[in-house]
Amino acid sequence: LYLASGGWPRYARNPHTGEDQWNGKEAKPLHVTLVVDE
């Protein structure tokens, strides 16, 4: 199982701003944590 936050160009890149439209000037890196507990 491979898990990521993107797969381009199959999936449009997410700018992580809450908007769907890609904007390279406003897009920013994303920090994600997978949480596993009971």
All heavy atoms as atom14 arrays in JSON, in Angstrom:
{
  "sequence": "LYLASGGWPRYARNPHTGEDQWNGKEAKPLHVTLVVDE",
  "atom14_mask": [
    [1, 1, 1, 1, 1, 1, 1, 1, 0, 0, 0, 0, 0, 0],
    [1, 1, 1, 1, 1, 1, 1, 1, 1, 1, 1, 1, 0, 0],
    [1, 1, 1, 1, 1, 1, 1, 1, 0, 0, 0, 0, 0, 0],
    [1, 1, 1, 1, 1, 0, 0, 0, 0, 0, 0, 0, 0, 0],
    [1, 1, 1, 1, 1, 1, 0, 0, 0, 0, 0, 0, 0, 0],
    [1, 1, 1, 1, 0, 0, 0, 0, 0, 0, 0, 0, 0, 0],
    [1, 1, 1, 1, 0, 0, 0, 0, 0, 0, 0, 0, 0, 0],
    [1, 1, 1, 1, 1, 1, 1, 1, 1, 1, 1, 1, 1, 1],
    [1, 1, 1, 1, 1, 1, 1, 0, 0, 0, 0, 0, 0, 0],
    [1, 1, 1, 1, 1, 1, 1, 1, 1, 1, 1, 0, 0, 0],
    [1, 1, 1, 1, 1, 1, 1, 1, 1, 1, 1, 1, 0, 0],
    [1, 1, 1, 1, 1, 0, 0, 0, 0, 0, 0, 0, 0, 0],
    [1, 1, 1, 1, 1, 1, 1, 1, 1, 1, 1, 0, 0, 0],
    [1, 1, 1, 1, 1, 1, 1, 1, 0, 0, 0, 0, 0, 0],
    [1, 1, 1, 1, 1, 1, 1, 0, 0, 0, 0, 0, 0, 0],
    [1, 1, 1, 1, 1, 1, 1, 1, 1, 1, 0, 0, 0, 0],
    [1, 1, 1, 1, 1, 1, 1, 0, 0, 0, 0, 0, 0, 0],
    [1, 1, 1, 1, 0, 0, 0, 0, 0, 0, 0, 0, 0, 0],
    [1, 1, 1, 1, 1, 1, 1, 1, 1, 0, 0, 0, 0, 0],
    [1, 1, 1, 1, 1, 1, 1, 1, 0, 0, 0, 0, 0, 0],
    [1, 1, 1, 1, 1, 1, 1, 1, 1, 0, 0, 0, 0, 0],
    [1, 1, 1, 1, 1, 1, 1, 1, 1, 1, 1, 1, 1, 1],
    [1, 1, 1, 1, 1, 1, 1, 1, 0, 0, 0, 0, 0, 0],
    [1, 1, 1, 1, 0, 0, 0, 0, 0, 0, 0, 0, 0, 0],
    [1, 1, 1, 1, 1, 1, 1, 1, 1, 0, 0, 0, 0, 0],
    [1, 1, 1, 1, 1, 1, 1, 1, 1, 0, 0, 0, 0, 0],
    [1, 1, 1, 1, 1, 0, 0, 0, 0, 0, 0, 0, 0, 0],
    [1, 1, 1, 1, 1, 1, 1, 1, 1, 0, 0, 0, 0, 0],
    [1, 1, 1, 1, 1, 1, 1, 0, 0, 0, 0, 0, 0, 0],
    [1, 1, 1, 1, 1, 1, 1, 1, 0, 0, 0, 0, 0, 0],
    [1, 1, 1, 1, 1, 1, 1, 1, 1, 1, 0, 0, 0, 0],
    [1, 1, 1, 1, 1, 1, 1, 0, 0, 0, 0, 0, 0, 0],
    [1, 1, 1, 1, 1, 1, 1, 0, 0, 0, 0, 0, 0, 0],
    [1, 1, 1, 1, 1, 1, 1, 1, 0, 0, 0, 0, 0, 0],
    [1, 1, 1, 1, 1, 1, 1, 0, 0, 0, 0, 0, 0, 0],
    [1, 1, 1, 1, 1, 1, 1, 0, 0, 0, 0, 0, 0, 0],
    [1, 1, 1, 1, 1, 1, 1, 1, 0, 0, 0, 0, 0, 0],
    [1, 1, 1, 1, 1, 1, 1, 1, 1, 0, 0, 0, 0, 0]
  ],
  "atom14_positions": [
    [[0.85, -1.18, 0.0], [0.0, 0.0, 0.0], [0.89, 1.23, 0.0], [1.73, 1.4, 0.9], [-0.9, 0.0, 1.23], [-1.73, 1.26, 1.49], [-2.8, 1.43, 0.41], [-2.38, 1.2, 2.88], [0.0, 0.0, 0.0], [0.0, 0.0, 0.0], [0.0, 0.0, 0.0], [0.0, 0.0, 0.0], [0.0, 0.0, 0.0], [0.0, 0.0, 0.0]],
    [[0.74, 2.08, -1.0], [1.46, 3.36, -1.09], [0.47, 4.48, -0.76], [-0.62, 4.53, -1.33], [2.02, 3.57, -2.49], [3.13, 2.61, -2.88], [2.84, 1.35, -3.39], [4.47, 2.97, -2.75], [3.85, 0.46, -3.75], [5.49, 2.1, -3.11], [5.16, 0.85, -3.61], [6.17, -0.03, -3.96], [0.0, 0.0, 0.0], [0.0, 0.0, 0.0]],
    [[0.86, 5.37, 0.14], [0.0, 6.47, 0.56], [0.75, 7.79, 0.4], [1.87, 7.94, 0.9], [-0.45, 6.3, 2.01], [-1.34, 7.4, 2.59], [-2.68, 7.48, 1.87], [-1.54, 7.16, 4.09], [0.0, 0.0, 0.0], [0.0, 0.0, 0.0], [0.0, 0.0, 0.0], [0.0, 0.0, 0.0], [0.0, 0.0, 0.0], [0.0, 0.0, 0.0]],
    [[0.14, 8.76, -0.28], [0.77, 10.06, -0.51], [-0.3, 11.14, -0.51], [-1.49, 10.86, -0.31], [1.54, 10.04, -1.83], [0.0, 0.0, 0.0], [0.0, 0.0, 0.0], [0.0, 0.0, 0.0], [0.0, 0.0, 0.0], [0.0, 0.0, 0.0], [0.0, 0.0, 0.0], [0.0, 0.0, 0.0], [0.0, 0.0, 0.0], [0.0, 0.0, 0.0]],
    [[0.13, 12.37, -0.77], [-0.78, 13.51, -0.82], [-0.96, 14.04, -2.23], [-1.45, 15.15, -2.42], [-0.29, 14.62, 0.11], [-0.31, 14.19, 1.45], [0.0, 0.0, 0.0], [0.0, 0.0, 0.0], [0.0, 0.0, 0.0], [0.0, 0.0, 0.0], [0.0, 0.0, 0.0], [0.0, 0.0, 0.0], [0.0, 0.0, 0.0], [0.0, 0.0, 0.0]],
    [[-0.56, 13.27, -3.21], [-0.72, 13.69, -4.59], [-0.26, 12.61, -5.54], [0.38, 11.63, -5.15], [0.0, 0.0, 0.0], [0.0, 0.0, 0.0], [0.0, 0.0, 0.0], [0.0, 0.0, 0.0], [0.0, 0.0, 0.0], [0.0, 0.0, 0.0], [0.0, 0.0, 0.0], [0.0, 0.0, 0.0], [0.0, 0.0, 0.0], [0.0, 0.0, 0.0]],
    [[-0.59, 12.8, -6.81], [-0.17, 11.91, -7.87], [-0.4, 12.62, -9.2], [-1.45, 12.5, -9.8], [0.0, 0.0, 0.0], [0.0, 0.0, 0.0], [0.0, 0.0, 0.0], [0.0, 0.0, 0.0], [0.0, 0.0, 0.0], [0.0, 0.0, 0.0], [0.0, 0.0, 0.0], [0.0, 0.0, 0.0], [0.0, 0.0, 0.0], [0.0, 0.0, 0.0]],
    [[0.59, 13.36, -9.63], [0.43, 14.27, -10.77], [1.12, 13.69, -12.0], [2.19, 13.08, -11.87], [1.05, 15.62, -10.4], [0.76, 16.71, -11.38], [-0.36, 17.49, -11.45], [1.61, 17.12, -12.44], [-0.26, 18.36, -12.5], [0.95, 18.17, -13.13], [2.87, 16.72, -12.89], [1.5, 18.79, -14.24], [3.41, 17.34, -14.0], [2.73, 18.37, -14.66]],
    [[0.52, 13.77, -13.2], [-0.65, 14.6, -13.56], [-2.0, 13.9, -13.49], [-3.0, 14.5, -13.88], [-0.33, 14.99, -14.99], [0.4, 13.8, -15.54], [1.23, 13.28, -14.4], [0.0, 0.0, 0.0], [0.0, 0.0, 0.0], [0.0, 0.0, 0.0], [0.0, 0.0, 0.0], [0.0, 0.0, 0.0], [0.0, 0.0, 0.0], [0.0, 0.0, 0.0]],
    [[-2.05, 12.65, -13.02], [-3.35, 11.97, -12.93], [-4.34, 12.77, -12.09], [-5.52, 12.88, -12.42], [-3.18, 10.56, -12.34], [-4.49, 9.82, -12.05], [-5.24, 9.53, -13.33], [-6.49, 8.83, -13.06], [-7.64, 9.42, -12.76], [-7.7, 10.73, -12.67], [-8.72, 8.71, -12.54], [0.0, 0.0, 0.0], [0.0, 0.0, 0.0], [0.0, 0.0, 0.0]],
    [[-3.86, 13.34, -10.98], [-4.7, 14.15, -10.11], [-4.17, 15.59, -10.07], [-2.97, 15.8, -9.88], [-4.74, 13.56, -8.69], [-5.29, 12.16, -8.67], [-4.43, 11.07, -8.55], [-6.65, 11.92, -8.8], [-4.93, 9.77, -8.55], [-7.16, 10.63, -8.8], [-6.29, 9.56, -8.69], [-6.79, 8.28, -8.7], [0.0, 0.0, 0.0], [0.0, 0.0, 0.0]],
    [[-5.08, 16.54, -10.24], [-4.68, 17.95, -10.19], [-4.05, 18.26, -8.85], [-4.49, 17.77, -7.8], [-5.89, 18.84, -10.43], [0.0, 0.0, 0.0], [0.0, 0.0, 0.0], [0.0, 0.0, 0.0], [0.0, 0.0, 0.0], [0.0, 0.0, 0.0], [0.0, 0.0, 0.0], [0.0, 0.0, 0.0], [0.0, 0.0, 0.0], [0.0, 0.0, 0.0]],
    [[-3.03, 19.07, -8.85], [-2.34, 19.41, -7.61], [-3.22, 20.29, -6.72], [-3.94, 21.17, -7.18], [-1.02, 20.13, -7.92], [0.04, 19.21, -8.5], [1.28, 19.96, -8.88], [1.06, 20.8, -10.07], [2.01, 21.57, -10.61], [3.22, 21.61, -10.06], [1.74, 22.3, -11.66], [0.0, 0.0, 0.0], [0.0, 0.0, 0.0], [0.0, 0.0, 0.0]],
    [[-3.16, 20.01, -5.42], [-3.94, 20.75, -4.43], [-3.06, 21.88, -3.89], [-1.96, 21.63, -3.4], [-4.35, 19.81, -3.31], [-5.37, 20.4, -2.36], [-5.35, 21.58, -2.07], [-6.27, 19.56, -1.86], [0.0, 0.0, 0.0], [0.0, 0.0, 0.0], [0.0, 0.0, 0.0], [0.0, 0.0, 0.0], [0.0, 0.0, 0.0], [0.0, 0.0, 0.0]],
    [[-3.54, 23.14, -3.93], [-2.7, 24.23, -3.41], [-2.69, 24.34, -1.89], [-1.95, 25.13, -1.33], [-3.36, 25.47, -4.04], [-4.79, 25.1, -4.2], [-4.78, 23.63, -4.54], [0.0, 0.0, 0.0], [0.0, 0.0, 0.0], [0.0, 0.0, 0.0], [0.0, 0.0, 0.0], [0.0, 0.0, 0.0], [0.0, 0.0, 0.0], [0.0, 0.0, 0.0]],
    [[-3.59, 23.56, -1.21], [-3.67, 23.54, 0.25], [-4.15, 24.86, 0.85], [-3.84, 25.18, 1.99], [-2.33, 23.13, 0.88], [-1.77, 21.88, 0.28], [-0.45, 21.77, -0.07], [-2.36, 20.71, -0.04], [-0.25, 20.55, -0.59], [-1.39, 19.9, -0.58], [0.0, 0.0, 0.0], [0.0, 0.0, 0.0], [0.0, 0.0, 0.0], [0.0, 0.0, 0.0]],
    [[-4.92, 25.6, 0.05], [-5.47, 26.87, 0.52], [-6.96, 26.79, 0.8], [-7.55, 27.74, 1.31], [-5.24, 27.97, -0.53], [-5.91, 27.59, -1.76], [-3.76, 28.16, -0.82], [0.0, 0.0, 0.0], [0.0, 0.0, 0.0], [0.0, 0.0, 0.0], [0.0, 0.0, 0.0], [0.0, 0.0, 0.0], [0.0, 0.0, 0.0], [0.0, 0.0, 0.0]],
    [[-7.58, 25.66, 0.44], [-9.03, 25.54, 0.52], [-9.71, 25.8, -0.8], [-10.93, 25.65, -0.91], [0.0, 0.0, 0.0], [0.0, 0.0, 0.0], [0.0, 0.0, 0.0], [0.0, 0.0, 0.0], [0.0, 0.0, 0.0], [0.0, 0.0, 0.0], [0.0, 0.0, 0.0], [0.0, 0.0, 0.0], [0.0, 0.0, 0.0], [0.0, 0.0, 0.0]],
    [[-8.93, 26.19, -1.82], [-9.47, 26.42, -3.16], [-9.07, 25.26, -4.07], [-8.02, 24.65, -3.9], [-8.93, 27.74, -3.73], [-9.25, 28.96, -2.89], [-10.73, 29.28, -2.87], [-11.42, 28.94, -3.85], [-11.2, 29.87, -1.86], [0.0, 0.0, 0.0], [0.0, 0.0, 0.0], [0.0, 0.0, 0.0], [0.0, 0.0, 0.0], [0.0, 0.0, 0.0]],
    [[-9.94, 24.97, -5.05], [-9.63, 23.91, -5.99], [-8.67, 24.35, -7.08], [-7.87, 23.56, -7.58], [-10.92, 23.39, -6.64], [-11.73, 22.52, -5.69], [-11.12, 21.78, -4.9], [-12.97, 22.59, -5.73], [0.0, 0.0, 0.0], [0.0, 0.0, 0.0], [0.0, 0.0, 0.0], [0.0, 0.0, 0.0], [0.0, 0.0, 0.0], [0.0, 0.0, 0.0]],
    [[-8.76, 25.61, -7.48], [-7.96, 26.09, -8.59], [-6.48, 26.16, -8.21], [-6.13, 26.73, -7.17], [-8.45, 27.48, -9.03], [-7.77, 28.04, -10.26], [-8.1, 27.24, -11.51], [-9.2, 26.73, -11.65], [-7.14, 27.12, -12.41], [0.0, 0.0, 0.0], [0.0, 0.0, 0.0], [0.0, 0.0, 0.0], [0.0, 0.0, 0.0], [0.0, 0.0, 0.0]],
    [[-5.64, 25.56, -9.04], [-4.21, 25.58, -8.78], [-3.66, 26.99, -8.95], [-3.94, 27.68, -9.93], [-3.48, 24.63, -9.72], [-1.99, 24.77, -9.66], [-1.17, 25.34, -10.59], [-1.14, 24.36, -8.59], [0.13, 25.3, -10.18], [0.18, 24.71, -8.95], [-1.37, 23.74, -7.37], [1.27, 24.44, -8.13], [-0.28, 23.48, -6.55], [1.02, 23.82, -6.93]],
    [[-2.9, 27.42, -7.98], [-2.23, 28.72, -8.02], [-0.83, 28.53, -7.48], [-0.64, 28.38, -6.26], [-3.01, 29.77, -7.2], [-2.4, 31.17, -7.32], [-1.19, 31.33, -7.44], [-3.26, 32.17, -7.29], [0.0, 0.0, 0.0], [0.0, 0.0, 0.0], [0.0, 0.0, 0.0], [0.0, 0.0, 0.0], [0.0, 0.0, 0.0], [0.0, 0.0, 0.0]],
    [[0.13, 28.48, -8.38], [1.49, 28.19, -7.96], [2.08, 29.22, -7.02], [2.97, 28.9, -6.22], [0.0, 0.0, 0.0], [0.0, 0.0, 0.0], [0.0, 0.0, 0.0], [0.0, 0.0, 0.0], [0.0, 0.0, 0.0], [0.0, 0.0, 0.0], [0.0, 0.0, 0.0], [0.0, 0.0, 0.0], [0.0, 0.0, 0.0], [0.0, 0.0, 0.0]],
    [[1.6, 30.47, -7.08], [2.13, 31.5, -6.2], [1.62, 31.35, -4.77], [2.33, 31.71, -3.82], [1.76, 32.88, -6.75], [2.44, 33.22, -8.07], [2.07, 34.63, -8.52], [2.78, 34.98, -9.83], [2.43, 36.34, -10.3], [0.0, 0.0, 0.0], [0.0, 0.0, 0.0], [0.0, 0.0, 0.0], [0.0, 0.0, 0.0], [0.0, 0.0, 0.0]],
    [[0.4, 30.82, -4.61], [-0.17, 30.69, -3.27], [0.0, 29.29, -2.69], [-0.15, 29.09, -1.48], [-1.66, 31.04, -3.3], [-1.93, 32.5, -3.65], [-3.41, 32.83, -3.58], [-4.19, 31.96, -3.17], [-3.77, 33.97, -3.92], [0.0, 0.0, 0.0], [0.0, 0.0, 0.0], [0.0, 0.0, 0.0], [0.0, 0.0, 0.0], [0.0, 0.0, 0.0]],
    [[0.29, 28.33, -3.52], [0.43, 26.95, -3.04], [1.58, 26.85, -2.05], [2.59, 27.55, -2.16], [0.69, 26.02, -4.23], [0.0, 0.0, 0.0], [0.0, 0.0, 0.0], [0.0, 0.0, 0.0], [0.0, 0.0, 0.0], [0.0, 0.0, 0.0], [0.0, 0.0, 0.0], [0.0, 0.0, 0.0], [0.0, 0.0, 0.0], [0.0, 0.0, 0.0]],
    [[1.41, 25.96, -1.08], [2.43, 25.82, -0.05], [2.62, 24.36, 0.32], [1.72, 23.54, 0.13], [2.02, 26.6, 1.2], [0.68, 26.2, 1.77], [0.3, 27.06, 2.96], [-1.04, 26.64, 3.55], [-1.42, 27.47, 4.72], [0.0, 0.0, 0.0], [0.0, 0.0, 0.0], [0.0, 0.0, 0.0], [0.0, 0.0, 0.0], [0.0, 0.0, 0.0]],
    [[3.8, 24.01, 0.83], [4.03, 22.63, 1.27], [3.06, 22.24, 2.39], [2.56, 23.09, 3.13], [5.48, 22.65, 1.77], [6.11, 23.79, 1.05], [5.02, 24.82, 0.92], [0.0, 0.0, 0.0], [0.0, 0.0, 0.0], [0.0, 0.0, 0.0], [0.0, 0.0, 0.0], [0.0, 0.0, 0.0], [0.0, 0.0, 0.0], [0.0, 0.0, 0.0]],
    [[2.83, 20.97, 2.49], [1.88, 20.41, 3.45], [2.61, 19.46, 4.39], [3.4, 18.63, 3.95], [0.78, 19.65, 2.69], [-0.29, 18.95, 3.5], [-1.3, 19.97, 4.03], [-1.0, 17.9, 2.65], [0.0, 0.0, 0.0], [0.0, 0.0, 0.0], [0.0, 0.0, 0.0], [0.0, 0.0, 0.0], [0.0, 0.0, 0.0], [0.0, 0.0, 0.0]],
    [[2.32, 19.57, 5.68], [2.87, 18.64, 6.67], [1.73, 17.76, 7.18], [0.73, 18.27, 7.69], [3.52, 19.41, 7.82], [4.62, 20.32, 7.36], [4.4, 21.63, 7.01], [5.95, 20.09, 7.17], [5.54, 22.18, 6.65], [6.5, 21.27, 6.72], [0.0, 0.0, 0.0], [0.0, 0.0, 0.0], [0.0, 0.0, 0.0], [0.0, 0.0, 0.0]],
    [[1.88, 16.46, 6.99], [0.82, 15.5, 7.3], [1.36, 14.45, 8.27], [2.53, 14.07, 8.19], [0.32, 14.79, 6.03], [-0.99, 14.05, 6.29], [0.16, 15.75, 4.88], [0.0, 0.0, 0.0], [0.0, 0.0, 0.0], [0.0, 0.0, 0.0], [0.0, 0.0, 0.0], [0.0, 0.0, 0.0], [0.0, 0.0, 0.0], [0.0, 0.0, 0.0]],
    [[0.49, 13.96, 9.15], [0.86, 12.87, 10.07], [-0.25, 11.83, 10.08], [-1.41, 12.16, 10.34], [1.08, 13.39, 11.5], [2.15, 14.35, 11.5], [1.45, 12.25, 12.44], [0.0, 0.0, 0.0], [0.0, 0.0, 0.0], [0.0, 0.0, 0.0], [0.0, 0.0, 0.0], [0.0, 0.0, 0.0], [0.0, 0.0, 0.0], [0.0, 0.0, 0.0]],
    [[0.1, 10.61, 9.77], [-0.82, 9.49, 9.92], [-0.86, 9.1, 11.39], [0.19, 8.87, 12.0], [-0.36, 8.29, 9.08], [-1.2, 7.02, 9.17], [-2.58, 7.22, 8.57], [-0.48, 5.86, 8.49], [0.0, 0.0, 0.0], [0.0, 0.0, 0.0], [0.0, 0.0, 0.0], [0.0, 0.0, 0.0], [0.0, 0.0, 0.0], [0.0, 0.0, 0.0]],
    [[-2.06, 9.05, 11.96], [-2.25, 8.77, 13.39], [-2.9, 7.4, 13.54], [-3.98, 7.15, 12.98], [-3.13, 9.85, 14.04], [-3.35, 9.53, 15.52], [-2.51, 11.23, 13.87], [0.0, 0.0, 0.0], [0.0, 0.0, 0.0], [0.0, 0.0, 0.0], [0.0, 0.0, 0.0], [0.0, 0.0, 0.0], [0.0, 0.0, 0.0], [0.0, 0.0, 0.0]],
    [[-2.25, 6.51, 14.28], [-2.78, 5.17, 14.51], [-2.76, 4.88, 16.0], [-1.71, 4.93, 16.63], [-1.95, 4.1, 13.76], [-2.6, 2.72, 13.92], [-1.81, 4.45, 12.29], [0.0, 0.0, 0.0], [0.0, 0.0, 0.0], [0.0, 0.0, 0.0], [0.0, 0.0, 0.0], [0.0, 0.0, 0.0], [0.0, 0.0, 0.0], [0.0, 0.0, 0.0]],
    [[-3.94, 4.63, 16.56], [-4.03, 4.23, 17.96], [-5.29, 3.39, 18.15], [-5.95, 3.03, 17.16], [-4.02, 5.44, 18.91], [-5.11, 6.46, 18.59], [-6.2, 6.05, 18.15], [-4.88, 7.67, 18.8], [0.0, 0.0, 0.0], [0.0, 0.0, 0.0], [0.0, 0.0, 0.0], [0.0, 0.0, 0.0], [0.0, 0.0, 0.0], [0.0, 0.0, 0.0]],
    [[-5.63, 3.08, 19.39], [-6.76, 2.18, 19.65], [-8.07, 2.73, 19.1], [-8.91, 1.97, 18.58], [-6.9, 1.93, 21.15], [-7.95, 0.9, 21.51], [-7.98, 0.59, 22.99], [-7.13, 1.13, 23.74], [-8.86, -0.18, 23.42], [0.0, 0.0, 0.0], [0.0, 0.0, 0.0], [0.0, 0.0, 0.0], [0.0, 0.0, 0.0], [0.0, 0.0, 0.0]]
  ]
}
